């Protein structure tokens, strides 16, 4: 699914909102995991059209885990979550404290 189609589909559900290039605002809700997974696949389809299916699966899994953890252990139910896609390759992860909470990041090597 390309990013424009995902934006149109998601906007009708009002659970998620694209607020900038590769930035998604979500609500802390279990359905946000699926929204984030679809969003990242749209980002990859737009920005890395030749990405392998294996890479799409790996990145989707990492995003699913990060958003699941944020929903489970992060903000209050219905609270805001932000997914920012800066780059879609590498192979590390980490966490940083910010003024608005904790920022968890991950990089996935392209395959």
PDB file of N, CA and C in Angstrom:
ATOM      1  N   UNK A   1       0.855  -1.172   0.000  1.00  0.00           N
ATOM      2  CA  UNK A   1       0.000   0.000   0.000  1.00  0.00           C
ATOM      3  C   UNK A   1       0.899   1.232   0.000  1.00  0.00           C
ATOM      4  N   UNK A   2       0.638   2.185  -0.904  1.00  0.00           N
ATOM      5  CA  UNK A   2       1.476   3.376  -0.900  1.00  0.00           C
ATOM      6  C   UNK A   2       1.014   4.344   0.188  1.00  0.00           C
ATOM      7  N   UNK A   3       1.872   5.324   0.483  1.00  0.00           N
ATOM      8  CA  UNK A   3       1.632   6.220   1.614  1.00  0.00           C
ATOM      9  C   UNK A   3       0.375   7.061   1.419  1.00  0.00           C
ATOM     10  N   UNK A   4       0.116   7.566   0.209  1.00  0.00           N
ATOM     11  CA  UNK A   4      -1.079   8.387  -0.019  1.00  0.00           C
ATOM     12  C   UNK A   4      -2.354   7.594   0.230  1.00  0.00           C
ATOM     13  N   UNK A   5      -2.376   6.349  -0.209  1.00  0.00           N
ATOM     14  CA  UNK A   5      -3.552   5.506   0.018  1.00  0.00           C
ATOM     15  C   UNK A   5      -3.736   5.231   1.514  1.00  0.00           C
ATOM     16  N   UNK A   6      -2.610   4.985   2.216  1.00  0.00           N
ATOM     17  CA  UNK A   6      -2.694   4.740   3.649  1.00  0.00           C
ATOM     18  C   UNK A   6      -3.235   5.965   4.375  1.00  0.00           C
ATOM     19  N   UNK A   7      -2.762   7.163   3.999  1.00  0.00           N
ATOM     20  CA  UNK A   7      -3.217   8.400   4.646  1.00  0.00           C
ATOM     21  C   UNK A   7      -4.715   8.554   4.481  1.00  0.00           C
ATOM     22  N   UNK A   8      -5.227   8.339   3.282  1.00  0.00           N
ATOM     23  CA  UNK A   8      -6.660   8.452   3.027  1.00  0.00           C
ATOM     24  C   UNK A   8      -7.442   7.446   3.857  1.00  0.00           C
ATOM     25  N   UNK A   9      -6.986   6.196   3.889  1.00  0.00           N
ATOM     26  CA  UNK A   9      -7.668   5.142   4.650  1.00  0.00           C
ATOM     27  C   UNK A   9      -7.632   5.437   6.148  1.00  0.00           C
ATOM     28  N   UNK A  10      -6.488   5.876   6.647  1.00  0.00           N
ATOM     29  CA  UNK A  10      -6.318   6.116   8.072  1.00  0.00           C
ATOM     30  C   UNK A  10      -7.109   7.327   8.540  1.00  0.00           C
ATOM     31  N   UNK A  11      -7.149   8.363   7.728  1.00  0.00           N
ATOM     32  CA  UNK A  11      -7.833   9.594   8.135  1.00  0.00           C
ATOM     33  C   UNK A  11      -9.299   9.334   8.439  1.00  0.00           C
ATOM     34  N   UNK A  12      -9.891   8.395   7.728  1.00  0.00           N
ATOM     35  CA  UNK A  12     -11.305   8.099   7.958  1.00  0.00           C
ATOM     36  C   UNK A  12     -11.523   7.428   9.308  1.00  0.00           C
ATOM     37  N   UNK A  13     -10.478   6.821   9.879  1.00  0.00           N
ATOM     38  CA  UNK A  13     -10.620   6.154  11.173  1.00  0.00           C
ATOM     39  C   UNK A  13     -10.276   7.082  12.337  1.00  0.00           C
ATOM     40  N   UNK A  14      -9.593   8.172  12.082  1.00  0.00           N
ATOM     41  CA  UNK A  14      -9.255   9.197  13.079  1.00  0.00           C
ATOM     42  C   UNK A  14      -8.451   8.660  14.265  1.00  0.00           C
ATOM     43  N   UNK A  15      -7.728   7.566  14.093  1.00  0.00           N
ATOM     44  CA  UNK A  15      -6.859   7.059  15.144  1.00  0.00           C
ATOM     45  C   UNK A  15      -5.429   7.544  14.952  1.00  0.00           C
ATOM     46  N   UNK A  16      -5.095   7.867  13.720  1.00  0.00           N
ATOM     47  CA  UNK A  16      -3.726   8.229  13.395  1.00  0.00           C
ATOM     48  C   UNK A  16      -3.747   9.419  12.451  1.00  0.00           C
ATOM     49  N   UNK A  17      -2.681  10.208  12.512  1.00  0.00           N
ATOM     50  CA  UNK A  17      -2.609  11.383  11.662  1.00  0.00           C
ATOM     51  C   UNK A  17      -1.168  11.587  11.215  1.00  0.00           C
ATOM     52  N   UNK A  18      -0.960  11.720   9.921  1.00  0.00           N
ATOM     53  CA  UNK A  18       0.358  12.049   9.388  1.00  0.00           C
ATOM     54  C   UNK A  18       0.530  13.548   9.542  1.00  0.00           C
ATOM     55  N   UNK A  19       1.611  13.962  10.217  1.00  0.00           N
ATOM     56  CA  UNK A  19       1.805  15.390  10.506  1.00  0.00           C
ATOM     57  C   UNK A  19       3.032  15.983   9.823  1.00  0.00           C
ATOM     58  N   UNK A  20       3.749  15.195   9.077  1.00  0.00           N
ATOM     59  CA  UNK A  20       4.916  15.675   8.352  1.00  0.00           C
ATOM     60  C   UNK A  20       5.506  14.530   7.573  1.00  0.00           C
ATOM     61  N   UNK A  21       6.554  14.833   6.810  1.00  0.00           N
ATOM     62  CA  UNK A  21       7.181  13.751   6.055  1.00  0.00           C
ATOM     63  C   UNK A  21       7.627  12.623   6.993  1.00  0.00           C
ATOM     64  N   UNK A  22       7.018  11.469   6.840  1.00  0.00           N
ATOM     65  CA  UNK A  22       7.397  10.278   7.601  1.00  0.00           C
ATOM     66  C   UNK A  22       7.190  10.419   9.106  1.00  0.00           C
ATOM     67  N   UNK A  23       6.204  11.211   9.521  1.00  0.00           N
ATOM     68  CA  UNK A  23       5.868  11.360  10.950  1.00  0.00           C
ATOM     69  C   UNK A  23       4.397  11.014  11.132  1.00  0.00           C
ATOM     70  N   UNK A  24       4.137  10.089  12.043  1.00  0.00           N
ATOM     71  CA  UNK A  24       2.779   9.632  12.321  1.00  0.00           C
ATOM     72  C   UNK A  24       2.459   9.856  13.786  1.00  0.00           C
ATOM     73  N   UNK A  25       1.337  10.524  14.059  1.00  0.00           N
ATOM     74  CA  UNK A  25       0.829  10.643  15.426  1.00  0.00           C
ATOM     75  C   UNK A  25      -0.218   9.559  15.635  1.00  0.00           C
ATOM     76  N   UNK A  26      -0.091   8.845  16.736  1.00  0.00           N
ATOM     77  CA  UNK A  26      -1.000   7.756  17.077  1.00  0.00           C
ATOM     78  C   UNK A  26      -1.584   7.986  18.456  1.00  0.00           C
ATOM     79  N   UNK A  27      -2.617   7.268  18.773  1.00  0.00           N
ATOM     80  CA  UNK A  27      -3.166   7.223  20.127  1.00  0.00           C
ATOM     81  C   UNK A  27      -2.676   5.937  20.778  1.00  0.00           C
ATOM     82  N   UNK A  28      -2.458   5.975  22.066  1.00  0.00           N
ATOM     83  CA  UNK A  28      -2.034   4.786  22.804  1.00  0.00           C
ATOM     84  C   UNK A  28      -3.229   3.835  22.894  1.00  0.00           C
ATOM     85  N   UNK A  29      -3.338   2.992  21.881  1.00  0.00           N
ATOM     86  CA  UNK A  29      -4.460   2.070  21.739  1.00  0.00           C
ATOM     87  C   UNK A  29      -3.941   0.842  20.987  1.00  0.00           C
ATOM     88  N   UNK A  30      -4.389  -0.354  21.329  1.00  0.00           N
ATOM     89  CA  UNK A  30      -3.879  -1.549  20.651  1.00  0.00           C
ATOM     90  C   UNK A  30      -3.972  -1.495  19.122  1.00  0.00           C
ATOM     91  N   UNK A  31      -5.004  -0.879  18.569  1.00  0.00           N
ATOM     92  CA  UNK A  31      -5.146  -0.794  17.113  1.00  0.00           C
ATOM     93  C   UNK A  31      -4.039   0.050  16.479  1.00  0.00           C
ATOM     94  N   UNK A  32      -3.378   0.885  17.272  1.00  0.00           N
ATOM     95  CA  UNK A  32      -2.297   1.716  16.745  1.00  0.00           C
ATOM     96  C   UNK A  32      -1.137   0.883  16.216  1.00  0.00           C
ATOM     97  N   UNK A  33      -0.978  -0.324  16.733  1.00  0.00           N
ATOM     98  CA  UNK A  33       0.099  -1.204  16.257  1.00  0.00           C
ATOM     99  C   UNK A  33      -0.127  -1.522  14.777  1.00  0.00           C
ATOM    100  N   UNK A  34      -1.333  -1.873  14.416  1.00  0.00           N
ATOM    101  CA  UNK A  34      -1.656  -2.156  13.024  1.00  0.00           C
ATOM    102  C   UNK A  34      -1.507  -0.905  12.163  1.00  0.00           C
ATOM    103  N   UNK A  35      -1.969   0.229  12.660  1.00  0.00           N
ATOM    104  CA  UNK A  35      -1.826   1.489  11.934  1.00  0.00           C
ATOM    105  C   UNK A  35      -0.360   1.804  11.666  1.00  0.00           C
ATOM    106  N   UNK A  36       0.493   1.617  12.673  1.00  0.00           N
ATOM    107  CA  UNK A  36       1.926   1.893  12.523  1.00  0.00           C
ATOM    108  C   UNK A  36       2.560   0.944  11.517  1.00  0.00           C
ATOM    109  N   UNK A  37       2.164  -0.311  11.552  1.00  0.00           N
ATOM    110  CA  UNK A  37       2.705  -1.303  10.622  1.00  0.00           C
ATOM    111  C   UNK A  37       2.339  -0.935   9.173  1.00  0.00           C
ATOM    112  N   UNK A  38       1.092  -0.553   8.944  1.00  0.00           N
ATOM    113  CA  UNK A  38       0.678  -0.137   7.604  1.00  0.00           C
ATOM    114  C   UNK A  38       1.408   1.142   7.177  1.00  0.00           C
ATOM    115  N   UNK A  39       1.575   2.064   8.122  1.00  0.00           N
ATOM    116  CA  UNK A  39       2.266   3.318   7.824  1.00  0.00           C
ATOM    117  C   UNK A  39       3.713   3.063   7.412  1.00  0.00           C
ATOM    118  N   UNK A  40       4.430   2.214   8.151  1.00  0.00           N
ATOM    119  CA  UNK A  40       5.831   1.982   7.829  1.00  0.00           C
ATOM    120  C   UNK A  40       5.961   1.303   6.473  1.00  0.00           C
ATOM    121  N   UNK A  41       5.050   0.401   6.160  1.00  0.00           N
ATOM    122  CA  UNK A  41       5.091  -0.227   4.833  1.00  0.00           C
ATOM    123  C   UNK A  41       4.842   0.814   3.741  1.00  0.00           C
ATOM    124  N   UNK A  42       3.952   1.775   3.994  1.00  0.00           N
ATOM    125  CA  UNK A  42       3.725   2.861   3.035  1.00  0.00           C
ATOM    126  C   UNK A  42       4.948   3.744   2.882  1.00  0.00           C
ATOM    127  N   UNK A  43       5.617   4.040   4.010  1.00  0.00           N
ATOM    128  CA  UNK A  43       6.858   4.831   3.954  1.00  0.00           C
ATOM    129  C   UNK A  43       7.918   4.115   3.133  1.00  0.00           C
ATOM    130  N   UNK A  44       8.075   2.829   3.372  1.00  0.00           N
ATOM    131  CA  UNK A  44       9.074   2.067   2.629  1.00  0.00           C
ATOM    132  C   UNK A  44       8.715   2.000   1.148  1.00  0.00           C
ATOM    133  N   UNK A  45       7.458   1.779   0.833  1.00  0.00           N
ATOM    134  CA  UNK A  45       7.046   1.712  -0.566  1.00  0.00           C
ATOM    135  C   UNK A  45       7.321   3.026  -1.289  1.00  0.00           C
ATOM    136  N   UNK A  46       7.166   4.133  -0.577  1.00  0.00           N
ATOM    137  CA  UNK A  46       7.393   5.451  -1.159  1.00  0.00           C
ATOM    138  C   UNK A  46       8.874   5.794  -1.241  1.00  0.00           C
ATOM    139  N   UNK A  47       9.625   5.519  -0.165  1.00  0.00           N
ATOM    140  CA  UNK A  47      11.016   5.965  -0.070  1.00  0.00           C
ATOM    141  C   UNK A  47      12.044   4.932  -0.523  1.00  0.00           C
ATOM    142  N   UNK A  48      11.686   3.658  -0.459  1.00  0.00           N
ATOM    143  CA  UNK A  48      12.611   2.584  -0.844  1.00  0.00           C
ATOM    144  C   UNK A  48      11.822   1.566  -1.680  1.00  0.00           C
ATOM    145  N   UNK A  49      11.428   1.952  -2.884  1.00  0.00           N
ATOM    146  CA  UNK A  49      10.551   1.085  -3.663  1.00  0.00           C
ATOM    147  C   UNK A  49      11.152  -0.272  -4.022  1.00  0.00           C
ATOM    148  N   UNK A  50      12.462  -0.387  -3.983  1.00  0.00           N
ATOM    149  CA  UNK A  50      13.093  -1.672  -4.313  1.00  0.00           C
ATOM    150  C   UNK A  50      13.434  -2.500  -3.068  1.00  0.00           C
ATOM    151  N   UNK A  51      12.891  -2.129  -1.906  1.00  0.00           N
ATOM    152  CA  UNK A  51      13.142  -2.891  -0.670  1.00  0.00           C
ATOM    153  C   UNK A  51      12.615  -4.316  -0.835  1.00  0.00           C
ATOM    154  N   UNK A  52      13.386  -5.261  -0.326  1.00  0.00           N
ATOM    155  CA  UNK A  52      12.964  -6.661  -0.418  1.00  0.00           C
ATOM    156  C   UNK A  52      11.794  -6.928   0.526  1.00  0.00           C
ATOM    157  N   UNK A  53      11.068  -7.999   0.250  1.00  0.00           N
ATOM    158  CA  UNK A  53       9.959  -8.394   1.122  1.00  0.00           C
ATOM    159  C   UNK A  53      10.479  -8.724   2.523  1.00  0.00           C
ATOM    160  N   UNK A  54      11.671  -9.324   2.598  1.00  0.00           N
ATOM    161  CA  UNK A  54      12.284  -9.631   3.888  1.00  0.00           C
ATOM    162  C   UNK A  54      12.546  -8.351   4.687  1.00  0.00           C
ATOM    163  N   UNK A  55      13.042  -7.321   4.004  1.00  0.00           N
ATOM    164  CA  UNK A  55      13.289  -6.040   4.689  1.00  0.00           C
ATOM    165  C   UNK A  55      11.978  -5.430   5.173  1.00  0.00           C
ATOM    166  N   UNK A  56      10.948  -5.457   4.329  1.00  0.00           N
ATOM    167  CA  UNK A  56       9.630  -4.946   4.742  1.00  0.00           C
ATOM    168  C   UNK A  56       9.131  -5.674   5.988  1.00  0.00           C
ATOM    169  N   UNK A  57       9.292  -6.995   5.999  1.00  0.00           N
ATOM    170  CA  UNK A  57       8.851  -7.782   7.148  1.00  0.00           C
ATOM    171  C   UNK A  57       9.654  -7.438   8.406  1.00  0.00           C
ATOM    172  N   UNK A  58      10.977  -7.298   8.268  1.00  0.00           N
ATOM    173  CA  UNK A  58      11.815  -6.979   9.425  1.00  0.00           C
ATOM    174  C   UNK A  58      11.472  -5.617  10.009  1.00  0.00           C
ATOM    175  N   UNK A  59      11.338  -4.625   9.144  1.00  0.00           N
ATOM    176  CA  UNK A  59      11.018  -3.275   9.623  1.00  0.00           C
ATOM    177  C   UNK A  59       9.623  -3.258  10.245  1.00  0.00           C
ATOM    178  N   UNK A  60       8.667  -3.936   9.628  1.00  0.00           N
ATOM    179  CA  UNK A  60       7.308  -4.005  10.188  1.00  0.00           C
ATOM    180  C   UNK A  60       7.311  -4.653  11.565  1.00  0.00           C
ATOM    181  N   UNK A  61       8.099  -5.705  11.729  1.00  0.00           N
ATOM    182  CA  UNK A  61       8.190  -6.372  13.027  1.00  0.00           C
ATOM    183  C   UNK A  61       8.775  -5.440  14.089  1.00  0.00           C
ATOM    184  N   UNK A  62       9.850  -4.738  13.741  1.00  0.00           N
ATOM    185  CA  UNK A  62      10.473  -3.814  14.702  1.00  0.00           C
ATOM    186  C   UNK A  62       9.489  -2.718  15.093  1.00  0.00           C
ATOM    187  N   UNK A  63       8.804  -2.139  14.120  1.00  0.00           N
ATOM    188  CA  UNK A  63       7.825  -1.086  14.410  1.00  0.00           C
ATOM    189  C   UNK A  63       6.689  -1.643  15.267  1.00  0.00           C
ATOM    190  N   UNK A  64       6.212  -2.837  14.953  1.00  0.00           N
ATOM    191  CA  UNK A  64       5.148  -3.455  15.756  1.00  0.00           C
ATOM    192  C   UNK A  64       5.571  -3.608  17.207  1.00  0.00           C
ATOM    193  N   UNK A  65       6.797  -4.092  17.417  1.00  0.00           N
ATOM    194  CA  UNK A  65       7.301  -4.279  18.786  1.00  0.00           C
ATOM    195  C   UNK A  65       7.430  -2.948  19.520  1.00  0.00           C
ATOM    196  N   UNK A  66       7.983  -1.940  18.850  1.00  0.00           N
ATOM    197  CA  UNK A  66       8.159  -0.636  19.495  1.00  0.00           C
ATOM    198  C   UNK A  66       6.815  -0.007  19.862  1.00  0.00           C
ATOM    199  N   UNK A  67       5.865  -0.044  18.945  1.00  0.00           N
ATOM    200  CA  UNK A  67       4.560   0.562  19.225  1.00  0.00           C
ATOM    201  C   UNK A  67       3.799  -0.253  20.267  1.00  0.00           C
ATOM    202  N   UNK A  68       3.891  -1.575  20.219  1.00  0.00           N
ATOM    203  CA  UNK A  68       3.257  -2.415  21.243  1.00  0.00           C
ATOM    204  C   UNK A  68       3.802  -2.064  22.625  1.00  0.00           C
ATOM    205  N   UNK A  69       5.116  -1.939  22.731  1.00  0.00           N
ATOM    206  CA  UNK A  69       5.714  -1.571  24.022  1.00  0.00           C
ATOM    207  C   UNK A  69       5.287  -0.184  24.461  1.00  0.00           C
ATOM    208  N   UNK A  70       5.197   0.746  23.539  1.00  0.00           N
ATOM    209  CA  UNK A  70       4.760   2.104  23.893  1.00  0.00           C
ATOM    210  C   UNK A  70       3.316   2.106  24.376  1.00  0.00           C
ATOM    211  N   UNK A  71       2.453   1.327  23.703  1.00  0.00           N
ATOM    212  CA  UNK A  71       1.048   1.247  24.113  1.00  0.00           C
ATOM    213  C   UNK A  71       0.934   0.568  25.478  1.00  0.00           C
ATOM    214  N   UNK A  72       1.712  -0.495  25.673  1.00  0.00           N
ATOM    215  CA  UNK A  72       1.625  -1.278  26.905  1.00  0.00           C
ATOM    216  C   UNK A  72       2.269  -0.575  28.095  1.00  0.00           C
ATOM    217  N   UNK A  73       3.425   0.031  27.882  1.00  0.00           N
ATOM    218  CA  UNK A  73       4.207   0.560  29.005  1.00  0.00           C
ATOM    219  C   UNK A  73       4.411   2.066  28.961  1.00  0.00           C
ATOM    220  N   UNK A  74       3.933   2.720  27.916  1.00  0.00           N
ATOM    221  CA  UNK A  74       4.202   4.137  27.730  1.00  0.00           C
ATOM    222  C   UNK A  74       3.104   5.028  28.258  1.00  0.00           C
ATOM    223  N   UNK A  75       2.549   5.826  27.376  1.00  0.00           N
ATOM    224  CA  UNK A  75       1.563   6.822  27.775  1.00  0.00           C
ATOM    225  C   UNK A  75       0.253   6.183  28.221  1.00  0.00           C
ATOM    226  N   UNK A  76      -0.572   6.981  28.858  1.00  0.00           N
ATOM    227  CA  UNK A  76      -1.881   6.530  29.339  1.00  0.00           C
ATOM    228  C   UNK A  76      -2.755   6.128  28.145  1.00  0.00           C
ATOM    229  N   UNK A  77      -3.740   5.251  28.360  1.00  0.00           N
ATOM    230  CA  UNK A  77      -4.634   4.866  27.261  1.00  0.00           C
ATOM    231  C   UNK A  77      -5.211   6.099  26.567  1.00  0.00           C
ATOM    232  N   UNK A  78      -5.137   6.119  25.255  1.00  0.00           N
ATOM    233  CA  UNK A  78      -5.615   7.250  24.478  1.00  0.00           C
ATOM    234  C   UNK A  78      -4.615   8.380  24.371  1.00  0.00           C
ATOM    235  N   UNK A  79      -3.512   8.299  25.105  1.00  0.00           N
ATOM    236  CA  UNK A  79      -2.491   9.344  25.060  1.00  0.00           C
ATOM    237  C   UNK A  79      -1.743   9.334  23.741  1.00  0.00           C
ATOM    238  N   UNK A  80      -0.971  10.372  23.486  1.00  0.00           N
ATOM    239  CA  UNK A  80      -0.296  10.474  22.191  1.00  0.00           C
ATOM    240  C   UNK A  80       0.967   9.625  22.090  1.00  0.00           C
ATOM    241  N   UNK A  81       1.185   9.097  20.900  1.00  0.00           N
ATOM    242  CA  UNK A  81       2.428   8.414  20.528  1.00  0.00           C
ATOM    243  C   UNK A  81       2.864   9.029  19.204  1.00  0.00           C
ATOM    244  N   UNK A  82       4.165   9.098  18.973  1.00  0.00           N
ATOM    245  CA  UNK A  82       4.666   9.646  17.717  1.00  0.00           C
ATOM    246  C   UNK A  82       5.655   8.667  17.095  1.00  0.00           C
ATOM    247  N   UNK A  83       5.448   8.331  15.844  1.00  0.00           N
ATOM    248  CA  UNK A  83       6.346   7.473  15.084  1.00  0.00           C
ATOM    249  C   UNK A  83       7.031   8.337  14.039  1.00  0.00           C
ATOM    250  N   UNK A  84       8.355   8.413  14.114  1.00  0.00           N
ATOM    251  CA  UNK A  84       9.141   9.199  13.167  1.00  0.00           C
ATOM    252  C   UNK A  84      10.059   8.250  12.413  1.00  0.00           C
ATOM    253  N   UNK A  85       9.989   8.282  11.110  1.00  0.00           N
ATOM    254  CA  UNK A  85      10.837   7.440  10.274  1.00  0.00           C
ATOM    255  C   UNK A  85      11.926   8.339   9.688  1.00  0.00           C
ATOM    256  N   UNK A  86      13.146   8.208  10.244  1.00  0.00           N
ATOM    257  CA  UNK A  86      14.258   9.037   9.776  1.00  0.00           C
ATOM    258  C   UNK A  86      15.037   8.375   8.663  1.00  0.00           C
ATOM    259  N   UNK A  87      15.257   7.098   8.791  1.00  0.00           N
ATOM    260  CA  UNK A  87      16.044   6.356   7.821  1.00  0.00           C
ATOM    261  C   UNK A  87      15.583   4.910   7.935  1.00  0.00           C
ATOM    262  N   UNK A  88      15.723   4.158   6.886  1.00  0.00           N
ATOM    263  CA  UNK A  88      15.184   2.803   6.907  1.00  0.00           C
ATOM    264  C   UNK A  88      16.260   1.740   6.740  1.00  0.00           C
ATOM    265  N   UNK A  89      17.426   1.973   7.322  1.00  0.00           N
ATOM    266  CA  UNK A  89      18.479   0.964   7.284  1.00  0.00           C
ATOM    267  C   UNK A  89      19.388   1.110   8.511  1.00  0.00           C
ATOM    268  N   UNK A  90      20.325   0.222   8.693  1.00  0.00           N
ATOM    269  CA  UNK A  90      21.387   0.197   9.711  1.00  0.00           C
ATOM    270  C   UNK A  90      21.333  -1.064  10.545  1.00  0.00           C
ATOM    271  N   UNK A  91      21.106  -1.006  11.887  1.00  0.00           N
ATOM    272  CA  UNK A  91      21.054  -2.222  12.677  1.00  0.00           C
ATOM    273  C   UNK A  91      21.296  -2.057  14.156  1.00  0.00           C
ATOM    274  N   UNK A  92      20.868  -0.965  14.752  1.00  0.00           N
ATOM    275  CA  UNK A  92      21.068  -0.717  16.177  1.00  0.00           C
ATOM    276  C   UNK A  92      19.744  -0.270  16.783  1.00  0.00           C
ATOM    277  N   UNK A  93      19.716  -0.152  18.126  1.00  0.00           N
ATOM    278  CA  UNK A  93      18.551   0.401  18.803  1.00  0.00           C
ATOM    279  C   UNK A  93      19.012   1.105  20.071  1.00  0.00           C
ATOM    280  N   UNK A  94      18.138   1.917  20.635  1.00  0.00           N
ATOM    281  CA  UNK A  94      18.461   2.607  21.874  1.00  0.00           C
ATOM    282  C   UNK A  94      17.268   3.397  22.376  1.00  0.00           C
ATOM    283  N   UNK A  95      17.482   4.074  23.501  1.00  0.00           N
ATOM    284  CA  UNK A  95      16.432   4.899  24.104  1.00  0.00           C
ATOM    285  C   UNK A  95      17.059   6.165  24.652  1.00  0.00           C
ATOM    286  N   UNK A  96      16.322   7.249  24.557  1.00  0.00           N
ATOM    287  CA  UNK A  96      16.776   8.540  25.059  1.00  0.00           C
ATOM    288  C   UNK A  96      15.652   9.188  25.850  1.00  0.00           C
ATOM    289  N   UNK A  97      15.987   9.848  26.949  1.00  0.00           N
ATOM    290  CA  UNK A  97      15.009  10.644  27.678  1.00  0.00           C
ATOM    291  C   UNK A  97      14.844  11.977  26.968  1.00  0.00           C
ATOM    292  N   UNK A  98      13.592  12.422  26.836  1.00  0.00           N
ATOM    293  CA  UNK A  98      13.304  13.717  26.228  1.00  0.00           C
ATOM    294  C   UNK A  98      12.427  14.515  27.180  1.00  0.00           C
ATOM    295  N   UNK A  99      12.163  15.769  26.845  1.00  0.00           N
ATOM    296  CA  UNK A  99      11.296  16.608  27.680  1.00  0.00           C
ATOM    297  C   UNK A  99       9.867  16.072  27.741  1.00  0.00           C
ATOM    298  N   UNK A 100       9.460  15.315  26.723  1.00  0.00           N
ATOM    299  CA  UNK A 100       8.080  14.818  26.672  1.00  0.00           C
ATOM    300  C   UNK A 100       7.960  13.332  26.980  1.00  0.00           C
ATOM    301  N   UNK A 101       9.048  12.695  27.406  1.00  0.00           N
ATOM    302  CA  UNK A 101       9.000  11.274  27.729  1.00  0.00           C
ATOM    303  C   UNK A 101      10.217  10.569  27.172  1.00  0.00           C
ATOM    304  N   UNK A 102      10.079   9.291  26.930  1.00  0.00           N
ATOM    305  CA  UNK A 102      11.191   8.501  26.430  1.00  0.00           C
ATOM    306  C   UNK A 102      11.058   8.302  24.922  1.00  0.00           C
ATOM    307  N   UNK A 103      12.162   8.393  24.235  1.00  0.00           N
ATOM    308  CA  UNK A 103      12.227   8.148  22.801  1.00  0.00           C
ATOM    309  C   UNK A 103      12.995   6.852  22.580  1.00  0.00           C
ATOM    310  N   UNK A 104      12.356   5.878  21.950  1.00  0.00           N
ATOM    311  CA  UNK A 104      12.993   4.605  21.648  1.00  0.00           C
ATOM    312  C   UNK A 104      13.165   4.539  20.142  1.00  0.00           C
ATOM    313  N   UNK A 105      14.333   4.139  19.698  1.00  0.00           N
ATOM    314  CA  UNK A 105      14.622   4.101  18.272  1.00  0.00           C
ATOM    315  C   UNK A 105      15.254   2.774  17.896  1.00  0.00           C
ATOM    316  N   UNK A 106      15.148   2.454  16.600  1.00  0.00           N
ATOM    317  CA  UNK A 106      15.732   1.232  16.079  1.00  0.00           C
ATOM    318  C   UNK A 106      16.130   1.466  14.631  1.00  0.00           C
ATOM    319  N   UNK A 107      17.185   0.793  14.227  1.00  0.00           N
ATOM    320  CA  UNK A 107      17.634   0.813  12.840  1.00  0.00           C
ATOM    321  C   UNK A 107      17.659  -0.628  12.344  1.00  0.00           C
ATOM    322  N   UNK A 108      17.254  -0.847  11.103  1.00  0.00           N
ATOM    323  CA  UNK A 108      17.205  -2.187  10.547  1.00  0.00           C
ATOM    324  C   UNK A 108      18.017  -2.205   9.252  1.00  0.00           C
ATOM    325  N   UNK A 109      18.972  -3.141   9.166  1.00  0.00           N
ATOM    326  CA  UNK A 109      19.780  -3.279   7.950  1.00  0.00           C
ATOM    327  C   UNK A 109      18.907  -3.646   6.764  1.00  0.00           C
ATOM    328  N   UNK A 110      19.157  -3.007   5.655  1.00  0.00           N
ATOM    329  CA  UNK A 110      18.460  -3.359   4.420  1.00  0.00           C
ATOM    330  C   UNK A 110      18.944  -4.722   3.942  1.00  0.00           C
ATOM    331  N   UNK A 111      18.036  -5.522   3.409  1.00  0.00           N
ATOM    332  CA  UNK A 111      18.404  -6.845   2.899  1.00  0.00           C
ATOM    333  C   UNK A 111      18.079  -6.947   1.431  1.00  0.00           C
TER     334      UNK A 111
END
